[in-house]
């Protein structure tokens, strides 16, 4: 089953950009479709593959940071090719 996941990682610290950049770079090396915008990162692929990757990378990010918030939305379809028609 294909899924689309939107993630927003928010380190609750002054120097917040380096952990976000590191998190995104690790997702990019997965071979999955990873797209970014200024507010979130989207990951697309097979459910088991995406969730396995996210479990590993979220755990690592949480271990590396004292205070962090992660927002995640999951859609049961691959929306990577979506083009708005408005």
C-alpha atoms as a PDB file:
ATOM      1  CA  UNK A   1       0.000   0.000   0.000  1.00  0.00           C
ATOM      2  CA  UNK A   2       1.325   3.431  -0.967  1.00  0.00           C
ATOM      3  CA  UNK A   3       1.346   6.294   1.531  1.00  0.00           C
ATOM      4  CA  UNK A   4       2.260   9.960   1.699  1.00  0.00           C
ATOM      5  CA  UNK A   5       3.639  11.351   4.958  1.00  0.00           C
ATOM      6  CA  UNK A   6       4.049  15.014   5.847  1.00  0.00           C
ATOM      7  CA  UNK A   7       6.531  15.763   8.635  1.00  0.00           C
ATOM      8  CA  UNK A   8       7.391  18.891  10.553  1.00  0.00           C
ATOM      9  CA  UNK A   9      10.317  18.497  12.944  1.00  0.00           C
ATOM     10  CA  UNK A  10      10.593  21.339  15.469  1.00  0.00           C
ATOM     11  CA  UNK A  11      13.580  21.300  17.822  1.00  0.00           C
ATOM     12  CA  UNK A  12      12.683  23.430  20.846  1.00  0.00           C
ATOM     13  CA  UNK A  13      16.031  25.210  21.105  1.00  0.00           C
ATOM     14  CA  UNK A  14      17.717  28.357  19.813  1.00  0.00           C
ATOM     15  CA  UNK A  15      19.937  26.652  17.223  1.00  0.00           C
ATOM     16  CA  UNK A  16      17.109  24.703  15.559  1.00  0.00           C
ATOM     17  CA  UNK A  17      18.189  24.613  11.889  1.00  0.00           C
ATOM     18  CA  UNK A  18      21.104  22.091  11.991  1.00  0.00           C
ATOM     19  CA  UNK A  19      18.989  19.215  13.426  1.00  0.00           C
ATOM     20  CA  UNK A  20      16.246  19.845  10.852  1.00  0.00           C
ATOM     21  CA  UNK A  21      18.750  19.855   7.988  1.00  0.00           C
ATOM     22  CA  UNK A  22      20.391  16.654   9.276  1.00  0.00           C
ATOM     23  CA  UNK A  23      16.981  14.947   9.565  1.00  0.00           C
ATOM     24  CA  UNK A  24      16.026  15.890   5.994  1.00  0.00           C
ATOM     25  CA  UNK A  25      19.404  14.802   4.578  1.00  0.00           C
ATOM     26  CA  UNK A  26      18.986  11.362   6.165  1.00  0.00           C
ATOM     27  CA  UNK A  27      15.518  11.026   4.653  1.00  0.00           C
ATOM     28  CA  UNK A  28      16.901  11.988   1.230  1.00  0.00           C
ATOM     29  CA  UNK A  29      19.416   9.116   1.292  1.00  0.00           C
ATOM     30  CA  UNK A  30      16.609   6.547   1.674  1.00  0.00           C
ATOM     31  CA  UNK A  31      15.874   6.196  -2.040  1.00  0.00           C
ATOM     32  CA  UNK A  32      12.246   7.178  -1.395  1.00  0.00           C
ATOM     33  CA  UNK A  33      10.626  10.246  -2.942  1.00  0.00           C
ATOM     34  CA  UNK A  34      11.299  13.099  -0.514  1.00  0.00           C
ATOM     35  CA  UNK A  35      10.056  16.630  -1.200  1.00  0.00           C
ATOM     36  CA  UNK A  36      10.550  19.700   0.973  1.00  0.00           C
ATOM     37  CA  UNK A  37       8.916  23.085   1.304  1.00  0.00           C
ATOM     38  CA  UNK A  38       9.596  25.845   3.857  1.00  0.00           C
ATOM     39  CA  UNK A  39       7.210  24.360   6.425  1.00  0.00           C
ATOM     40  CA  UNK A  40       7.382  20.584   6.042  1.00  0.00           C
ATOM     41  CA  UNK A  41       8.927  17.549   4.387  1.00  0.00           C
ATOM     42  CA  UNK A  42       6.947  14.917   2.513  1.00  0.00           C
ATOM     43  CA  UNK A  43       7.966  11.268   2.112  1.00  0.00           C
ATOM     44  CA  UNK A  44       6.225   8.957  -0.373  1.00  0.00           C
ATOM     45  CA  UNK A  45       6.415   5.190  -0.861  1.00  0.00           C
ATOM     46  CA  UNK A  46       5.298   1.781   0.334  1.00  0.00           C
ATOM     47  CA  UNK A  47       3.835   1.785   3.844  1.00  0.00           C
ATOM     48  CA  UNK A  48       6.284  -0.680   5.426  1.00  0.00           C
ATOM     49  CA  UNK A  49       9.335   0.972   3.841  1.00  0.00           C
ATOM     50  CA  UNK A  50       8.320   4.513   4.789  1.00  0.00           C
ATOM     51  CA  UNK A  51       7.301   3.636   8.329  1.00  0.00           C
ATOM     52  CA  UNK A  52      10.475   1.616   8.927  1.00  0.00           C
ATOM     53  CA  UNK A  53      12.590   4.559   7.780  1.00  0.00           C
ATOM     54  CA  UNK A  54      10.612   7.036   9.882  1.00  0.00           C
ATOM     55  CA  UNK A  55      10.776   4.870  12.980  1.00  0.00           C
ATOM     56  CA  UNK A  56      14.575   4.782  12.725  1.00  0.00           C
ATOM     57  CA  UNK A  57      15.112   8.448  11.865  1.00  0.00           C
ATOM     58  CA  UNK A  58      12.581   9.829  14.353  1.00  0.00           C
ATOM     59  CA  UNK A  59      14.111   7.748  17.144  1.00  0.00           C
ATOM     60  CA  UNK A  60      17.582   9.040  16.236  1.00  0.00           C
ATOM     61  CA  UNK A  61      16.396  12.669  16.112  1.00  0.00           C
ATOM     62  CA  UNK A  62      14.653  12.275  19.477  1.00  0.00           C
ATOM     63  CA  UNK A  63      17.770  10.714  21.012  1.00  0.00           C
ATOM     64  CA  UNK A  64      19.916  13.603  19.725  1.00  0.00           C
ATOM     65  CA  UNK A  65      17.681  16.422  20.986  1.00  0.00           C
ATOM     66  CA  UNK A  66      16.575  17.251  24.523  1.00  0.00           C
ATOM     67  CA  UNK A  67      13.286  18.894  23.521  1.00  0.00           C
ATOM     68  CA  UNK A  68      11.660  18.308  20.149  1.00  0.00           C
ATOM     69  CA  UNK A  69       8.215  18.262  18.581  1.00  0.00           C
ATOM     70  CA  UNK A  70       7.289  16.216  15.511  1.00  0.00           C
ATOM     71  CA  UNK A  71       4.023  16.639  13.644  1.00  0.00           C
ATOM     72  CA  UNK A  72       3.106  13.905  11.185  1.00  0.00           C
ATOM     73  CA  UNK A  73       0.207  13.423   8.779  1.00  0.00           C
ATOM     74  CA  UNK A  74      -0.291  10.179   6.852  1.00  0.00           C
ATOM     75  CA  UNK A  75      -2.445   9.798   3.754  1.00  0.00           C
ATOM     76  CA  UNK A  76      -3.236   6.380   2.288  1.00  0.00           C
ATOM     77  CA  UNK A  77      -2.136   7.143  -1.274  1.00  0.00           C
ATOM     78  CA  UNK A  78       0.932   8.390  -3.104  1.00  0.00           C
ATOM     79  CA  UNK A  79       0.325  12.114  -3.633  1.00  0.00           C
ATOM     80  CA  UNK A  80       3.834  12.881  -4.946  1.00  0.00           C
ATOM     81  CA  UNK A  81       2.532  13.639  -8.455  1.00  0.00           C
ATOM     82  CA  UNK A  82      -0.308  15.904  -7.280  1.00  0.00           C
ATOM     83  CA  UNK A  83      -0.596  19.150  -9.249  1.00  0.00           C
ATOM     84  CA  UNK A  84      -3.071  21.732  -7.924  1.00  0.00           C
ATOM     85  CA  UNK A  85      -5.564  22.770 -10.571  1.00  0.00           C
ATOM     86  CA  UNK A  86      -6.452  26.146  -9.135  1.00  0.00           C
END
